[in-house]
Amino acid sequence: MARKTDLSGNFDNKPDSALVDVKAVAALLDVHPNSVWRLARSGKFPAPVKLSEQSTRWRVGDVRQALASLRHA
């Protein structure tokens, strides 16, 4: 069984320029990682930053803005 990650305190302390992976974003949204990819592809969530062929991350500042807009929607 997958263990749920609690990132709330750690995420709040990160600078806007920090990068987080899909598992961290999924934990913040309380969704499966596949849902994060789906939201990004549909334009309902910010696009990630491709760091290398096998490494993709989201900027913390972009995630914060998206979370704020989802809360006000």
C-alpha atoms as a PDB file:
ATOM      1  CA  MET A   1       0.000   0.000   0.000  1.00  0.00           C
ATOM      2  CA  ALA A   2       1.332   3.428  -0.917  1.00  0.00           C
ATOM      3  CA  ARG A   3       2.245   5.731   1.909  1.00  0.00           C
ATOM      4  CA  LYS A   4       0.853   9.243   1.697  1.00  0.00           C
ATOM      5  CA  THR A   5       3.419  12.008   1.936  1.00  0.00           C
ATOM      6  CA  ASP A   6       2.780  15.014   4.168  1.00  0.00           C
ATOM      7  CA  LEU A   7       4.578  17.924   2.518  1.00  0.00           C
ATOM      8  CA  SER A   8       2.617  20.843   3.918  1.00  0.00           C
ATOM      9  CA  GLY A   9       5.285  22.155   6.299  1.00  0.00           C
ATOM     10  CA  ASN A  10       8.194  21.362   3.999  1.00  0.00           C
ATOM     11  CA  PHE A  11       6.464  22.866   0.956  1.00  0.00           C
ATOM     12  CA  ASP A  12       5.605  26.085   2.802  1.00  0.00           C
ATOM     13  CA  ASN A  13       9.283  26.617   3.629  1.00  0.00           C
ATOM     14  CA  LYS A  14      10.554  26.208   0.065  1.00  0.00           C
ATOM     15  CA  PRO A  15      11.395  29.283  -2.037  1.00  0.00           C
ATOM     16  CA  ASP A  16       9.279  29.945  -5.135  1.00  0.00           C
ATOM     17  CA  SER A  17      12.251  29.003  -7.319  1.00  0.00           C
ATOM     18  CA  ALA A  18      12.542  25.506  -5.780  1.00  0.00           C
ATOM     19  CA  LEU A  19      11.505  22.491  -7.830  1.00  0.00           C
ATOM     20  CA  VAL A  20       9.269  19.599  -6.740  1.00  0.00           C
ATOM     21  CA  ASP A  21       8.495  16.289  -8.425  1.00  0.00           C
ATOM     22  CA  VAL A  22       5.158  14.855  -9.502  1.00  0.00           C
ATOM     23  CA  LYS A  23       4.781  12.836  -6.282  1.00  0.00           C
ATOM     24  CA  ALA A  24       5.058  15.999  -4.190  1.00  0.00           C
ATOM     25  CA  VAL A  25       2.547  17.839  -6.385  1.00  0.00           C
ATOM     26  CA  ALA A  26       0.166  14.879  -6.261  1.00  0.00           C
ATOM     27  CA  ALA A  27       0.389  14.791  -2.457  1.00  0.00           C
ATOM     28  CA  LEU A  28      -0.396  18.516  -2.269  1.00  0.00           C
ATOM     29  CA  LEU A  29      -3.418  18.100  -4.542  1.00  0.00           C
ATOM     30  CA  ASP A  30      -4.430  14.814  -2.885  1.00  0.00           C
ATOM     31  CA  VAL A  31      -4.593  13.086  -6.276  1.00  0.00           C
ATOM     32  CA  HIS A  32      -2.740  10.313  -8.096  1.00  0.00           C
ATOM     33  CA  PRO A  33       0.394  11.395 -10.014  1.00  0.00           C
ATOM     34  CA  ASN A  34      -1.355  10.502 -13.285  1.00  0.00           C
ATOM     35  CA  SER A  35      -3.973  13.142 -12.476  1.00  0.00           C
ATOM     36  CA  VAL A  36      -1.253  15.783 -12.135  1.00  0.00           C
ATOM     37  CA  TRP A  37      -0.009  14.948 -15.638  1.00  0.00           C
ATOM     38  CA  ARG A  38      -3.570  15.040 -16.953  1.00  0.00           C
ATOM     39  CA  LEU A  39      -4.208  18.455 -15.395  1.00  0.00           C
ATOM     40  CA  ALA A  40      -0.953  19.829 -16.840  1.00  0.00           C
ATOM     41  CA  ARG A  41      -1.744  18.489 -20.334  1.00  0.00           C
ATOM     42  CA  SER A  42      -5.212  20.037 -20.229  1.00  0.00           C
ATOM     43  CA  GLY A  43      -3.855  23.441 -19.175  1.00  0.00           C
ATOM     44  CA  LYS A  44      -5.649  23.386 -15.815  1.00  0.00           C
ATOM     45  CA  PHE A  45      -2.304  23.173 -14.009  1.00  0.00           C
ATOM     46  CA  PRO A  46       1.078  24.743 -14.848  1.00  0.00           C
ATOM     47  CA  ALA A  47       3.374  22.936 -17.234  1.00  0.00           C
ATOM     48  CA  PRO A  48       6.386  21.284 -15.624  1.00  0.00           C
ATOM     49  CA  VAL A  49      10.022  22.073 -16.306  1.00  0.00           C
ATOM     50  CA  LYS A  50      11.918  19.353 -18.165  1.00  0.00           C
ATOM     51  CA  LEU A  51      15.378  19.117 -16.575  1.00  0.00           C
ATOM     52  CA  SER A  52      16.592  16.091 -18.516  1.00  0.00           C
ATOM     53  CA  GLU A  53      15.260  13.125 -20.463  1.00  0.00           C
ATOM     54  CA  GLN A  54      14.076  11.454 -17.241  1.00  0.00           C
ATOM     55  CA  SER A  55      13.641  14.372 -14.854  1.00  0.00           C
ATOM     56  CA  THR A  56      10.648  16.704 -14.797  1.00  0.00           C
ATOM     57  CA  ARG A  57       9.754  19.090 -11.976  1.00  0.00           C
ATOM     58  CA  TRP A  58       7.324  21.897 -11.136  1.00  0.00           C
ATOM     59  CA  ARG A  59       8.371  25.294  -9.794  1.00  0.00           C
ATOM     60  CA  VAL A  60       7.060  25.809  -6.270  1.00  0.00           C
ATOM     61  CA  GLY A  61       5.906  29.333  -7.164  1.00  0.00           C
ATOM     62  CA  ASP A  62       3.846  28.004 -10.091  1.00  0.00           C
ATOM     63  CA  VAL A  63       2.305  25.325  -7.871  1.00  0.00           C
ATOM     64  CA  ARG A  64       1.440  27.907  -5.204  1.00  0.00           C
ATOM     65  CA  GLN A  65      -0.293  30.125  -7.778  1.00  0.00           C
ATOM     66  CA  ALA A  66      -2.241  27.167  -9.151  1.00  0.00           C
ATOM     67  CA  LEU A  67      -3.315  26.077  -5.670  1.00  0.00           C
ATOM     68  CA  ALA A  68      -4.460  29.613  -4.860  1.00  0.00           C
ATOM     69  CA  SER A  69      -6.504  29.852  -8.059  1.00  0.00           C
ATOM     70  CA  LEU A  70      -8.056  26.405  -7.456  1.00  0.00           C
ATOM     71  CA  ARG A  71      -9.101  27.493  -3.974  1.00  0.00           C
ATOM     72  CA  HIS A  72     -10.780  30.645  -5.342  1.00  0.00           C
ATOM     73  CA  ALA A  73     -12.513  28.860  -8.210  1.00  0.00           C
END
